[in-house]
């Protein structure tokens, strides 16, 4: 399977600057992604203006991918960033019950989509922010006031993902915001759409139909595998997408983490066998969000993704919110190029 390797960064506050973006492209970045889970395209016009300026100065037209919201549950709007302390108790509150009355108790309240509460039972584990935070359902006053104890704590931001361990909740393929986004794709020069949490071929057909209605059927469709259901049905929906994304963040929350490397290998093998391009993403240089030098294991992860035949690789938080977006992109590209050189020449280096 021969594909020119594409290397993506993620647009965010850490790199939404013309000069930084220019340096990232010069380092070898071929495209960029914007996650619309927490915002809309018009809300990011300032970032996009700087992106366009950077591209115009370099005389390039890069790939520009957007993440739709898709069928995912997310934390509602928090008045302030919430710090969940280990072993403390919190309340899960339906969005429809907000605002809370003044006589509500003082436990930290986490606003959650109403549908979640139909599936909650005592003893279940709730994962938030791609599994970085874990809560255990302990008790509730009623079905709309659920108490949970924090197993793994940390900061919680508005719009972060929510999942019940081992439970699949049926949700529509596209949200109202996704439909609005599709109508704006041409205006914002979008070349590809990433559909999260693909469960079946129908999820992709819904997206294809909406793109066709908007006259945007030339836009590439990327199917993100993030659930057990997606793993189980991947052979069914492969023909419905242009590229598969092995999205290890939510996928690592949906399956036991020790399984994740093997699932990645299996999906890569399927894509090679069917000649379907695939992308590997999430935490490829996670340590560089805080440090200027990566771990050796991260470099091996990047190289192995390329050696396994990945058509694309992507940085997320490293460029969107990390302290070293340019340095991360440079080492990302350099490591990928070394792996490509080895594939191309097969030369022994030791």
C-alpha atoms as a PDB file:
ATOM      1  CA  UNK A   1       0.000   0.000   0.000  1.00  0.00           C
ATOM      2  CA  UNK A   2       1.776   3.130  -1.261  1.00  0.00           C
ATOM      3  CA  UNK A   3       0.709   6.505   0.088  1.00  0.00           C
ATOM      4  CA  UNK A   4       2.586   9.743   0.607  1.00  0.00           C
ATOM      5  CA  UNK A   5       2.682  10.142   4.386  1.00  0.00           C
ATOM      6  CA  UNK A   6       0.580  13.030   5.658  1.00  0.00           C
ATOM      7  CA  UNK A   7       1.518  14.700   8.922  1.00  0.00           C
ATOM      8  CA  UNK A   8      -1.039  16.740  10.815  1.00  0.00           C
ATOM      9  CA  UNK A   9      -1.050  19.074  13.777  1.00  0.00           C
ATOM     10  CA  UNK A  10      -4.069  20.295  15.717  1.00  0.00           C
ATOM     11  CA  UNK A  11      -4.995  23.969  15.765  1.00  0.00           C
ATOM     12  CA  UNK A  12      -5.381  25.448  19.237  1.00  0.00           C
ATOM     13  CA  UNK A  13      -4.347  28.353  21.442  1.00  0.00           C
ATOM     14  CA  UNK A  14      -0.714  27.179  21.619  1.00  0.00           C
ATOM     15  CA  UNK A  15      -0.165  27.408  17.857  1.00  0.00           C
ATOM     16  CA  UNK A  16      -2.831  29.853  16.620  1.00  0.00           C
ATOM     17  CA  UNK A  17      -0.170  32.324  15.556  1.00  0.00           C
ATOM     18  CA  UNK A  18       0.964  32.969  11.988  1.00  0.00           C
ATOM     19  CA  UNK A  19       4.691  32.650  12.721  1.00  0.00           C
ATOM     20  CA  UNK A  20       4.291  29.465  14.764  1.00  0.00           C
ATOM     21  CA  UNK A  21       2.142  27.895  12.047  1.00  0.00           C
ATOM     22  CA  UNK A  22       4.699  28.853   9.399  1.00  0.00           C
ATOM     23  CA  UNK A  23       7.411  27.079  11.415  1.00  0.00           C
ATOM     24  CA  UNK A  24       5.220  23.990  11.818  1.00  0.00           C
ATOM     25  CA  UNK A  25       4.623  23.788   8.065  1.00  0.00           C
ATOM     26  CA  UNK A  26       8.316  24.309   7.385  1.00  0.00           C
ATOM     27  CA  UNK A  27       9.086  21.454   9.764  1.00  0.00           C
ATOM     28  CA  UNK A  28       7.080  19.130   7.516  1.00  0.00           C
ATOM     29  CA  UNK A  29       3.452  19.435   8.631  1.00  0.00           C
ATOM     30  CA  UNK A  30       1.217  18.814   5.613  1.00  0.00           C
ATOM     31  CA  UNK A  31      -2.172  19.617   7.122  1.00  0.00           C
ATOM     32  CA  UNK A  32      -3.989  20.735  10.216  1.00  0.00           C
ATOM     33  CA  UNK A  33      -7.072  19.694  12.154  1.00  0.00           C
ATOM     34  CA  UNK A  34      -9.588  21.685  14.185  1.00  0.00           C
ATOM     35  CA  UNK A  35     -11.625  19.906  16.842  1.00  0.00           C
ATOM     36  CA  UNK A  36     -15.195  21.227  16.785  1.00  0.00           C
ATOM     37  CA  UNK A  37     -16.287  19.298  19.861  1.00  0.00           C
ATOM     38  CA  UNK A  38     -16.105  22.488  21.927  1.00  0.00           C
ATOM     39  CA  UNK A  39     -16.565  25.255  19.351  1.00  0.00           C
ATOM     40  CA  UNK A  40     -17.873  26.132  15.884  1.00  0.00           C
ATOM     41  CA  UNK A  41     -16.033  27.308  12.775  1.00  0.00           C
ATOM     42  CA  UNK A  42     -17.266  30.919  13.109  1.00  0.00           C
ATOM     43  CA  UNK A  43     -16.112  30.976  16.735  1.00  0.00           C
ATOM     44  CA  UNK A  44     -12.565  30.210  15.565  1.00  0.00           C
ATOM     45  CA  UNK A  45     -12.352  32.747  12.753  1.00  0.00           C
ATOM     46  CA  UNK A  46      -9.424  34.510  14.446  1.00  0.00           C
ATOM     47  CA  UNK A  47      -7.383  31.289  14.526  1.00  0.00           C
ATOM     48  CA  UNK A  48      -8.374  30.423  10.975  1.00  0.00           C
ATOM     49  CA  UNK A  49      -7.437  33.874   9.707  1.00  0.00           C
ATOM     50  CA  UNK A  50      -3.901  33.343  11.028  1.00  0.00           C
ATOM     51  CA  UNK A  51      -3.822  29.870   9.491  1.00  0.00           C
ATOM     52  CA  UNK A  52      -4.795  31.276   6.088  1.00  0.00           C
ATOM     53  CA  UNK A  53      -2.159  34.013   6.436  1.00  0.00           C
ATOM     54  CA  UNK A  54       0.517  31.416   7.196  1.00  0.00           C
ATOM     55  CA  UNK A  55      -0.510  29.286   4.211  1.00  0.00           C
ATOM     56  CA  UNK A  56      -0.642  32.276   1.858  1.00  0.00           C
ATOM     57  CA  UNK A  57       2.836  33.386   2.938  1.00  0.00           C
ATOM     58  CA  UNK A  58       4.166  29.916   2.111  1.00  0.00           C
ATOM     59  CA  UNK A  59       2.077  29.592  -1.102  1.00  0.00           C
ATOM     60  CA  UNK A  60       0.564  26.291   0.044  1.00  0.00           C
ATOM     61  CA  UNK A  61      -2.941  24.823   0.211  1.00  0.00           C
ATOM     62  CA  UNK A  62      -2.767  22.255   3.027  1.00  0.00           C
ATOM     63  CA  UNK A  63      -5.298  19.671   4.102  1.00  0.00           C
ATOM     64  CA  UNK A  64      -7.703  21.174   6.628  1.00  0.00           C
ATOM     65  CA  UNK A  65      -9.667  18.591   8.619  1.00  0.00           C
ATOM     66  CA  UNK A  66     -12.451  19.224  11.117  1.00  0.00           C
ATOM     67  CA  UNK A  67     -13.726  16.920  13.841  1.00  0.00           C
ATOM     68  CA  UNK A  68     -17.506  16.827  14.022  1.00  0.00           C
ATOM     69  CA  UNK A  69     -19.243  16.338  17.362  1.00  0.00           C
ATOM     70  CA  UNK A  70     -20.929  13.107  16.332  1.00  0.00           C
ATOM     71  CA  UNK A  71     -22.543  10.590  18.685  1.00  0.00           C
ATOM     72  CA  UNK A  72     -20.671  11.446  21.869  1.00  0.00           C
ATOM     73  CA  UNK A  73     -21.851  12.457  25.320  1.00  0.00           C
ATOM     74  CA  UNK A  74     -20.146  15.549  26.731  1.00  0.00           C
ATOM     75  CA  UNK A  75     -20.026  17.522  29.949  1.00  0.00           C
ATOM     76  CA  UNK A  76     -22.207  20.627  29.856  1.00  0.00           C
ATOM     77  CA  UNK A  77     -21.092  24.186  30.427  1.00  0.00           C
ATOM     78  CA  UNK A  78     -19.237  24.650  33.706  1.00  0.00           C
ATOM     79  CA  UNK A  79     -19.154  28.114  35.272  1.00  0.00           C
ATOM     80  CA  UNK A  80     -15.526  27.513  36.256  1.00  0.00           C
ATOM     81  CA  UNK A  81     -12.953  24.814  35.650  1.00  0.00           C
ATOM     82  CA  UNK A  82     -13.676  22.097  38.185  1.00  0.00           C
ATOM     83  CA  UNK A  83     -10.978  20.224  40.092  1.00  0.00           C
ATOM     84  CA  UNK A  84     -12.173  16.743  41.052  1.00  0.00           C
ATOM     85  CA  UNK A  85     -10.388  15.519  44.155  1.00  0.00           C
ATOM     86  CA  UNK A  86      -9.744  11.811  44.589  1.00  0.00           C
ATOM     87  CA  UNK A  87     -12.199  10.123  47.024  1.00  0.00           C
ATOM     88  CA  UNK A  88     -14.442  13.200  47.082  1.00  0.00           C
ATOM     89  CA  UNK A  89     -18.141  13.074  46.183  1.00  0.00           C
ATOM     90  CA  UNK A  90     -19.781  14.916  43.277  1.00  0.00           C
ATOM     91  CA  UNK A  91     -23.278  15.221  41.823  1.00  0.00           C
ATOM     92  CA  UNK A  92     -24.275  14.437  38.245  1.00  0.00           C
ATOM     93  CA  UNK A  93     -27.101  16.775  37.188  1.00  0.00           C
ATOM     94  CA  UNK A  94     -29.171  16.609  33.943  1.00  0.00           C
ATOM     95  CA  UNK A  95     -28.779  19.649  31.731  1.00  0.00           C
ATOM     96  CA  UNK A  96     -32.564  20.069  31.771  1.00  0.00           C
ATOM     97  CA  UNK A  97     -32.489  20.616  35.555  1.00  0.00           C
ATOM     98  CA  UNK A  98     -30.168  23.618  35.358  1.00  0.00           C
ATOM     99  CA  UNK A  99     -29.821  26.176  36.807  1.00  0.00           C
ATOM    100  CA  UNK A 100     -29.718  24.611  40.257  1.00  0.00           C
ATOM    101  CA  UNK A 101     -31.869  26.099  43.004  1.00  0.00           C
ATOM    102  CA  UNK A 102     -30.173  28.129  45.709  1.00  0.00           C
ATOM    103  CA  UNK A 103     -30.943  25.503  48.351  1.00  0.00           C
ATOM    104  CA  UNK A 104     -28.996  22.795  46.484  1.00  0.00           C
ATOM    105  CA  UNK A 105     -26.252  21.203  48.564  1.00  0.00           C
ATOM    106  CA  UNK A 106     -22.707  22.350  48.050  1.00  0.00           C
ATOM    107  CA  UNK A 107     -21.296  19.215  46.422  1.00  0.00           C
ATOM    108  CA  UNK A 108     -19.632  19.989  43.076  1.00  0.00           C
ATOM    109  CA  UNK A 109     -22.216  19.561  40.312  1.00  0.00           C
ATOM    110  CA  UNK A 110     -21.340  18.190  36.862  1.00  0.00           C
ATOM    111  CA  UNK A 111     -23.970  18.954  34.182  1.00  0.00           C
ATOM    112  CA  UNK A 112     -24.522  15.930  31.921  1.00  0.00           C
ATOM    113  CA  UNK A 113     -26.811  15.127  28.954  1.00  0.00           C
ATOM    114  CA  UNK A 114     -30.220  13.881  30.096  1.00  0.00           C
ATOM    115  CA  UNK A 115     -30.002  10.600  28.157  1.00  0.00           C
ATOM    116  CA  UNK A 116     -27.068   9.497  30.339  1.00  0.00           C
ATOM    117  CA  UNK A 117     -29.302   9.136  33.400  1.00  0.00           C
ATOM    118  CA  UNK A 118     -31.433   6.396  31.851  1.00  0.00           C
ATOM    119  CA  UNK A 119     -28.375   4.135  31.807  1.00  0.00           C
ATOM    120  CA  UNK A 120     -26.786   4.871  35.188  1.00  0.00           C
ATOM    121  CA  UNK A 121     -26.737   2.225  37.912  1.00  0.00           C
ATOM    122  CA  UNK A 122     -25.012   1.975  41.259  1.00  0.00           C
ATOM    123  CA  UNK A 123     -21.463   0.658  40.958  1.00  0.00           C
ATOM    124  CA  UNK A 124     -20.930   1.738  37.352  1.00  0.00           C
ATOM    125  CA  UNK A 125     -17.736   3.532  36.355  1.00  0.00           C
ATOM    126  CA  UNK A 126     -18.019   6.849  34.543  1.00  0.00           C
ATOM    127  CA  UNK A 127     -15.045   7.956  32.445  1.00  0.00           C
ATOM    128  CA  UNK A 128     -14.530  11.601  31.531  1.00  0.00           C
ATOM    129  CA  UNK A 129     -12.033  13.399  29.306  1.00  0.00           C
ATOM    130  CA  UNK A 130     -10.923  10.278  27.384  1.00  0.00           C
ATOM    131  CA  UNK A 131     -10.621   8.309  30.632  1.00  0.00           C
ATOM    132  CA  UNK A 132      -8.335  10.778  32.421  1.00  0.00           C
ATOM    133  CA  UNK A 133     -11.007  11.071  35.135  1.00  0.00           C
ATOM    134  CA  UNK A 134     -13.001   8.219  36.669  1.00  0.00           C
ATOM    135  CA  UNK A 135     -16.065   8.304  38.887  1.00  0.00           C
ATOM    136  CA  UNK A 136     -17.904   5.464  40.608  1.00  0.00           C
ATOM    137  CA  UNK A 137     -21.683   5.789  40.883  1.00  0.00           C
ATOM    138  CA  UNK A 138     -22.488   5.478  44.581  1.00  0.00           C
ATOM    139  CA  UNK A 139     -26.060   6.578  45.198  1.00  0.00           C
ATOM    140  CA  UNK A 140     -28.682   9.149  44.266  1.00  0.00           C
ATOM    141  CA  UNK A 141     -31.629  10.990  45.720  1.00  0.00           C
ATOM    142  CA  UNK A 142     -33.532  10.211  42.538  1.00  0.00           C
ATOM    143  CA  UNK A 143     -32.829   9.467  38.890  1.00  0.00           C
ATOM    144  CA  UNK A 144     -31.968  13.112  38.215  1.00  0.00           C
ATOM    145  CA  UNK A 145     -29.587  13.653  41.137  1.00  0.00           C
ATOM    146  CA  UNK A 146     -26.867  11.018  41.024  1.00  0.00           C
ATOM    147  CA  UNK A 147     -23.941  10.898  43.435  1.00  0.00           C
ATOM    148  CA  UNK A 148     -20.543   9.585  42.421  1.00  0.00           C
ATOM    149  CA  UNK A 149     -17.209   9.164  44.148  1.00  0.00           C
ATOM    150  CA  UNK A 150     -14.046  10.244  42.370  1.00  0.00           C
ATOM    151  CA  UNK A 151     -11.647   7.359  41.686  1.00  0.00           C
ATOM    152  CA  UNK A 152      -9.176   9.270  39.512  1.00  0.00           C
ATOM    153  CA  UNK A 153      -9.266  13.025  39.901  1.00  0.00           C
ATOM    154  CA  UNK A 154      -7.976  16.078  38.107  1.00  0.00           C
ATOM    155  CA  UNK A 155      -9.231  19.169  36.274  1.00  0.00           C
ATOM    156  CA  UNK A 156     -12.509  18.895  34.361  1.00  0.00           C
ATOM    157  CA  UNK A 157     -13.385  21.333  31.576  1.00  0.00           C
ATOM    158  CA  UNK A 158     -16.670  22.024  29.805  1.00  0.00           C
ATOM    159  CA  UNK A 159     -17.354  19.849  26.770  1.00  0.00           C
ATOM    160  CA  UNK A 160     -15.150  16.921  27.773  1.00  0.00           C
ATOM    161  CA  UNK A 161     -16.276  13.409  26.866  1.00  0.00           C
ATOM    162  CA  UNK A 162     -18.390  11.184  29.119  1.00  0.00           C
ATOM    163  CA  UNK A 163     -18.747   7.419  28.812  1.00  0.00           C
ATOM    164  CA  UNK A 164     -20.178   4.646  30.977  1.00  0.00           C
ATOM    165  CA  UNK A 165     -17.693   1.794  31.097  1.00  0.00           C
ATOM    166  CA  UNK A 166     -19.095  -1.179  29.181  1.00  0.00           C
ATOM    167  CA  UNK A 167     -22.308   0.592  28.081  1.00  0.00           C
ATOM    168  CA  UNK A 168     -23.192   1.775  24.560  1.00  0.00           C
ATOM    169  CA  UNK A 169     -25.826   4.529  24.415  1.00  0.00           C
ATOM    170  CA  UNK A 170     -27.695   5.003  21.104  1.00  0.00           C
ATOM    171  CA  UNK A 171     -27.221   8.547  19.798  1.00  0.00           C
ATOM    172  CA  UNK A 172     -27.857  10.229  16.421  1.00  0.00           C
ATOM    173  CA  UNK A 173     -24.954  10.204  13.961  1.00  0.00           C
ATOM    174  CA  UNK A 174     -24.831  13.996  13.618  1.00  0.00           C
ATOM    175  CA  UNK A 175     -25.742  16.847  15.942  1.00  0.00           C
ATOM    176  CA  UNK A 176     -27.468  20.086  14.930  1.00  0.00           C
ATOM    177  CA  UNK A 177     -24.082  21.813  15.119  1.00  0.00           C
ATOM    178  CA  UNK A 178     -22.608  19.171  12.802  1.00  0.00           C
ATOM    179  CA  UNK A 179     -25.279  20.003  10.217  1.00  0.00           C
ATOM    180  CA  UNK A 180     -24.450  23.702  10.549  1.00  0.00           C
ATOM    181  CA  UNK A 181     -20.748  22.878  10.150  1.00  0.00           C
ATOM    182  CA  UNK A 182     -21.342  20.930   6.939  1.00  0.00           C
ATOM    183  CA  UNK A 183     -23.029  23.964   5.403  1.00  0.00           C
ATOM    184  CA  UNK A 184     -19.926  26.062   6.166  1.00  0.00           C
ATOM    185  CA  UNK A 185     -17.213  23.697   4.901  1.00  0.00           C
ATOM    186  CA  UNK A 186     -16.576  25.474   1.602  1.00  0.00           C
ATOM    187  CA  UNK A 187     -16.491  28.921   3.218  1.00  0.00           C
ATOM    188  CA  UNK A 188     -13.735  27.808   5.600  1.00  0.00           C
ATOM    189  CA  UNK A 189     -11.697  25.802   3.045  1.00  0.00           C
ATOM    190  CA  UNK A 190     -12.243  22.452   4.754  1.00  0.00           C
ATOM    191  CA  UNK A 191     -10.904  19.458   2.813  1.00  0.00           C
ATOM    192  CA  UNK A 192     -11.852  16.594   5.149  1.00  0.00           C
ATOM    193  CA  UNK A 193     -14.422  15.732   7.803  1.00  0.00           C
ATOM    194  CA  UNK A 194     -13.684  13.414  10.717  1.00  0.00           C
ATOM    195  CA  UNK A 195     -16.744  11.469  11.901  1.00  0.00           C
ATOM    196  CA  UNK A 196     -16.310  10.458  15.569  1.00  0.00           C
ATOM    197  CA  UNK A 197     -17.482   7.204  17.123  1.00  0.00           C
ATOM    198  CA  UNK A 198     -18.406   5.465  13.887  1.00  0.00           C
ATOM    199  CA  UNK A 199     -20.547   2.483  14.863  1.00  0.00           C
ATOM    200  CA  UNK A 200     -21.811   1.245  11.502  1.00  0.00           C
ATOM    201  CA  UNK A 201     -21.920   1.977   7.792  1.00  0.00           C
ATOM    202  CA  UNK A 202     -25.125   3.950   8.359  1.00  0.00           C
ATOM    203  CA  UNK A 203     -23.256   6.592  10.392  1.00  0.00           C
ATOM    204  CA  UNK A 204     -21.092   7.282   7.351  1.00  0.00           C
ATOM    205  CA  UNK A 205     -24.016   7.164   4.929  1.00  0.00           C
ATOM    206  CA  UNK A 206     -25.821   9.821   6.993  1.00  0.00           C
ATOM    207  CA  UNK A 207     -22.733  12.024   6.724  1.00  0.00           C
ATOM    208  CA  UNK A 208     -22.328  11.336   2.983  1.00  0.00           C
ATOM    209  CA  UNK A 209     -25.969  12.285   2.349  1.00  0.00           C
ATOM    210  CA  UNK A 210     -25.577  15.577   4.214  1.00  0.00           C
ATOM    211  CA  UNK A 211     -22.371  16.390   2.332  1.00  0.00           C
ATOM    212  CA  UNK A 212     -24.122  15.670  -0.964  1.00  0.00           C
ATOM    213  CA  UNK A 213     -27.062  17.931  -0.032  1.00  0.00           C
ATOM    214  CA  UNK A 214     -24.604  20.730   0.768  1.00  0.00           C
ATOM    215  CA  UNK A 215     -22.733  20.250  -2.519  1.00  0.00           C
ATOM    216  CA  UNK A 216     -19.670  19.134  -0.560  1.00  0.00           C
ATOM    217  CA  UNK A 217     -19.501  15.482  -1.593  1.00  0.00           C
ATOM    218  CA  UNK A 218     -15.888  15.988  -2.747  1.00  0.00           C
ATOM    219  CA  UNK A 219     -14.808  16.463   0.889  1.00  0.00           C
ATOM    220  CA  UNK A 220     -12.974  13.425   2.249  1.00  0.00           C
ATOM    221  CA  UNK A 221     -14.623  11.370   5.000  1.00  0.00           C
ATOM    222  CA  UNK A 222     -12.482  10.042   7.858  1.00  0.00           C
ATOM    223  CA  UNK A 223     -14.022   7.353  10.085  1.00  0.00           C
ATOM    224  CA  UNK A 224     -12.803   7.424  13.687  1.00  0.00           C
ATOM    225  CA  UNK A 225     -12.747   4.059  15.444  1.00  0.00           C
ATOM    226  CA  UNK A 226     -13.308   4.786  19.119  1.00  0.00           C
ATOM    227  CA  UNK A 227     -15.586   2.020  20.439  1.00  0.00           C
ATOM    228  CA  UNK A 228     -15.952  -1.757  20.614  1.00  0.00           C
ATOM    229  CA  UNK A 229     -18.835  -1.379  18.182  1.00  0.00           C
ATOM    230  CA  UNK A 230     -16.557   0.374  15.720  1.00  0.00           C
ATOM    231  CA  UNK A 231     -13.953  -2.385  16.011  1.00  0.00           C
ATOM    232  CA  UNK A 232     -16.584  -5.081  15.488  1.00  0.00           C
ATOM    233  CA  UNK A 233     -18.081  -3.447  12.376  1.00  0.00           C
ATOM    234  CA  UNK A 234     -14.987  -2.022  10.728  1.00  0.00           C
ATOM    235  CA  UNK A 235     -15.137  -4.392   7.739  1.00  0.00           C
ATOM    236  CA  UNK A 236     -18.734  -3.320   7.107  1.00  0.00           C
ATOM    237  CA  UNK A 237     -18.072   0.427   6.979  1.00  0.00           C
ATOM    238  CA  UNK A 238     -14.627   0.456   5.345  1.00  0.00           C
ATOM    239  CA  UNK A 239     -16.126   1.149   1.883  1.00  0.00           C
ATOM    240  CA  UNK A 240     -18.018   4.165   3.250  1.00  0.00           C
ATOM    241  CA  UNK A 241     -14.961   6.226   4.176  1.00  0.00           C
ATOM    242  CA  UNK A 242     -11.831   7.542   2.514  1.00  0.00           C
ATOM    243  CA  UNK A 243      -9.618   6.856   5.510  1.00  0.00           C
ATOM    244  CA  UNK A 244      -9.812   5.108   8.885  1.00  0.00           C
ATOM    245  CA  UNK A 245      -8.602   6.857  12.029  1.00  0.00           C
ATOM    246  CA  UNK A 246      -7.312   4.727  14.898  1.00  0.00           C
ATOM    247  CA  UNK A 247      -8.302   7.255  17.561  1.00  0.00           C
ATOM    248  CA  UNK A 248      -6.571   5.929  20.637  1.00  0.00           C
ATOM    249  CA  UNK A 249      -7.967   8.458  23.127  1.00  0.00           C
ATOM    250  CA  UNK A 250     -11.586   7.376  23.386  1.00  0.00           C
ATOM    251  CA  UNK A 251     -10.737   3.907  22.082  1.00  0.00           C
ATOM    252  CA  UNK A 252      -8.451   3.483  25.092  1.00  0.00           C
ATOM    253  CA  UNK A 253     -11.413   4.336  27.325  1.00  0.00           C
ATOM    254  CA  UNK A 254     -13.763   1.947  25.538  1.00  0.00           C
ATOM    255  CA  UNK A 255     -11.513  -1.120  25.785  1.00  0.00           C
ATOM    256  CA  UNK A 256      -9.036  -2.276  28.452  1.00  0.00           C
ATOM    257  CA  UNK A 257      -5.829  -0.309  27.907  1.00  0.00           C
ATOM    258  CA  UNK A 258      -3.617  -3.425  27.672  1.00  0.00           C
ATOM    259  CA  UNK A 259      -5.622  -4.430  24.581  1.00  0.00           C
ATOM    260  CA  UNK A 260      -5.085  -1.115  22.801  1.00  0.00           C
ATOM    261  CA  UNK A 261      -1.702  -1.848  21.130  1.00  0.00           C
ATOM    262  CA  UNK A 262      -2.960  -5.162  19.748  1.00  0.00           C
ATOM    263  CA  UNK A 263      -6.211  -3.613  18.502  1.00  0.00           C
ATOM    264  CA  UNK A 264      -4.141  -0.939  16.757  1.00  0.00           C
ATOM    265  CA  UNK A 265      -2.032  -3.646  15.102  1.00  0.00           C
ATOM    266  CA  UNK A 266      -5.133  -5.574  14.032  1.00  0.00           C
ATOM    267  CA  UNK A 267      -6.796  -2.504  12.538  1.00  0.00           C
ATOM    268  CA  UNK A 268      -3.589  -1.579  10.708  1.00  0.00           C
ATOM    269  CA  UNK A 269      -3.416  -5.100   9.289  1.00  0.00           C
ATOM    270  CA  UNK A 270      -7.031  -4.916   8.086  1.00  0.00           C
ATOM    271  CA  UNK A 271      -6.368  -1.581   6.394  1.00  0.00           C
ATOM    272  CA  UNK A 272      -3.256  -2.912   4.657  1.00  0.00           C
ATOM    273  CA  UNK A 273      -5.148  -5.992   3.508  1.00  0.00           C
ATOM    274  CA  UNK A 274      -8.030  -3.926   2.087  1.00  0.00           C
ATOM    275  CA  UNK A 275      -5.771  -1.111   0.815  1.00  0.00           C
ATOM    276  CA  UNK A 276      -7.634   1.414   2.948  1.00  0.00           C
ATOM    277  CA  UNK A 277      -5.531   4.382   4.144  1.00  0.00           C
ATOM    278  CA  UNK A 278      -5.393   4.809   7.911  1.00  0.00           C
ATOM    279  CA  UNK A 279      -4.271   7.400  10.437  1.00  0.00           C
ATOM    280  CA  UNK A 280      -2.826   6.901  13.926  1.00  0.00           C
ATOM    281  CA  UNK A 281      -3.537   9.613  16.469  1.00  0.00           C
ATOM    282  CA  UNK A 282      -3.472  10.517  20.190  1.00  0.00           C
ATOM    283  CA  UNK A 283      -0.614  10.969  22.665  1.00  0.00           C
ATOM    284  CA  UNK A 284       2.108  10.304  20.122  1.00  0.00           C
ATOM    285  CA  UNK A 285       4.270  12.922  21.851  1.00  0.00           C
ATOM    286  CA  UNK A 286       2.185  13.536  24.972  1.00  0.00           C
ATOM    287  CA  UNK A 287       5.202  14.296  27.169  1.00  0.00           C
ATOM    288  CA  UNK A 288       6.022  17.268  24.927  1.00  0.00           C
ATOM    289  CA  UNK A 289       2.935  19.090  26.122  1.00  0.00           C
ATOM    290  CA  UNK A 290       5.112  19.932  29.143  1.00  0.00           C
ATOM    291  CA  UNK A 291       8.705  19.032  28.193  1.00  0.00           C
ATOM    292  CA  UNK A 292      10.923  20.012  25.241  1.00  0.00           C
ATOM    293  CA  UNK A 293      12.260  16.477  24.743  1.00  0.00           C
ATOM    294  CA  UNK A 294      10.117  13.357  24.066  1.00  0.00           C
ATOM    295  CA  UNK A 295      10.457   9.934  25.617  1.00  0.00           C
ATOM    296  CA  UNK A 296      12.168   7.156  23.691  1.00  0.00           C
ATOM    297  CA  UNK A 297       8.934   5.149  23.829  1.00  0.00           C
ATOM    298  CA  UNK A 298       7.061   7.953  22.061  1.00  0.00           C
ATOM    299  CA  UNK A 299       9.584   8.001  19.232  1.00  0.00           C
ATOM    300  CA  UNK A 300       9.180   4.227  18.863  1.00  0.00           C
ATOM    301  CA  UNK A 301       5.406   4.693  18.746  1.00  0.00           C
ATOM    302  CA  UNK A 302       5.682   7.179  15.880  1.00  0.00           C
ATOM    303  CA  UNK A 303       8.100   5.006  13.931  1.00  0.00           C
ATOM    304  CA  UNK A 304       6.008   1.871  14.442  1.00  0.00           C
ATOM    305  CA  UNK A 305       2.887   3.621  13.135  1.00  0.00           C
ATOM    306  CA  UNK A 306       4.768   4.516   9.930  1.00  0.00           C
ATOM    307  CA  UNK A 307       6.355   1.071   9.656  1.00  0.00           C
ATOM    308  CA  UNK A 308       2.887  -0.493  10.047  1.00  0.00           C
ATOM    309  CA  UNK A 309       1.772   1.406   6.948  1.00  0.00           C
ATOM    310  CA  UNK A 310      -0.037   4.458   8.329  1.00  0.00           C
ATOM    311  CA  UNK A 311      -0.965   6.941   5.620  1.00  0.00           C
ATOM    312  CA  UNK A 312      -1.281   9.744   8.158  1.00  0.00           C
ATOM    313  CA  UNK A 313      -0.184  10.568  11.688  1.00  0.00           C
ATOM    314  CA  UNK A 314      -1.390  13.433  13.848  1.00  0.00           C
ATOM    315  CA  UNK A 315      -0.478  15.450  16.914  1.00  0.00           C
ATOM    316  CA  UNK A 316      -3.349  16.694  19.080  1.00  0.00           C
ATOM    317  CA  UNK A 317      -2.763  18.359  22.454  1.00  0.00           C
ATOM    318  CA  UNK A 318       0.946  18.626  21.722  1.00  0.00           C
ATOM    319  CA  UNK A 319       0.358  21.422  19.200  1.00  0.00           C
ATOM    320  CA  UNK A 320      -3.065  22.651  20.319  1.00  0.00           C
ATOM    321  CA  UNK A 321      -2.249  23.292  23.972  1.00  0.00           C
ATOM    322  CA  UNK A 322       1.343  22.211  24.608  1.00  0.00           C
ATOM    323  CA  UNK A 323       4.280  24.396  25.528  1.00  0.00           C
ATOM    324  CA  UNK A 324       6.420  23.321  22.563  1.00  0.00           C
ATOM    325  CA  UNK A 325       4.256  23.053  19.416  1.00  0.00           C
ATOM    326  CA  UNK A 326       7.058  23.792  16.933  1.00  0.00           C
ATOM    327  CA  UNK A 327       9.592  21.525  18.648  1.00  0.00           C
ATOM    328  CA  UNK A 328       7.000  18.741  18.837  1.00  0.00           C
ATOM    329  CA  UNK A 329       6.217  19.026  15.138  1.00  0.00           C
ATOM    330  CA  UNK A 330       9.918  18.991  14.222  1.00  0.00           C
ATOM    331  CA  UNK A 331      10.687  15.784  16.148  1.00  0.00           C
ATOM    332  CA  UNK A 332       7.413  14.258  14.909  1.00  0.00           C
ATOM    333  CA  UNK A 333       8.353  14.816  11.279  1.00  0.00           C
ATOM    334  CA  UNK A 334      12.004  13.844  11.714  1.00  0.00           C
ATOM    335  CA  UNK A 335      11.072  10.536  13.360  1.00  0.00           C
ATOM    336  CA  UNK A 336       8.501   9.770  10.681  1.00  0.00           C
ATOM    337  CA  UNK A 337      11.035  10.545   7.945  1.00  0.00           C
ATOM    338  CA  UNK A 338      13.579   8.173   9.491  1.00  0.00           C
ATOM    339  CA  UNK A 339      10.971   5.397   9.471  1.00  0.00           C
ATOM    340  CA  UNK A 340      10.070   6.220   5.867  1.00  0.00           C
ATOM    341  CA  UNK A 341      13.714   6.137   4.842  1.00  0.00           C
ATOM    342  CA  UNK A 342      14.071   2.697   6.391  1.00  0.00           C
ATOM    343  CA  UNK A 343      10.970   1.466   4.560  1.00  0.00           C
ATOM    344  CA  UNK A 344      12.175   2.916   1.275  1.00  0.00           C
ATOM    345  CA  UNK A 345      15.759   1.663   1.342  1.00  0.00           C
ATOM    346  CA  UNK A 346      15.590  -1.333   3.665  1.00  0.00           C
ATOM    347  CA  UNK A 347      19.159  -0.436   4.526  1.00  0.00           C
ATOM    348  CA  UNK A 348      20.712  -1.890   7.627  1.00  0.00           C
ATOM    349  CA  UNK A 349      21.806   0.843  10.006  1.00  0.00           C
ATOM    350  CA  UNK A 350      23.498  -1.283  12.652  1.00  0.00           C
END
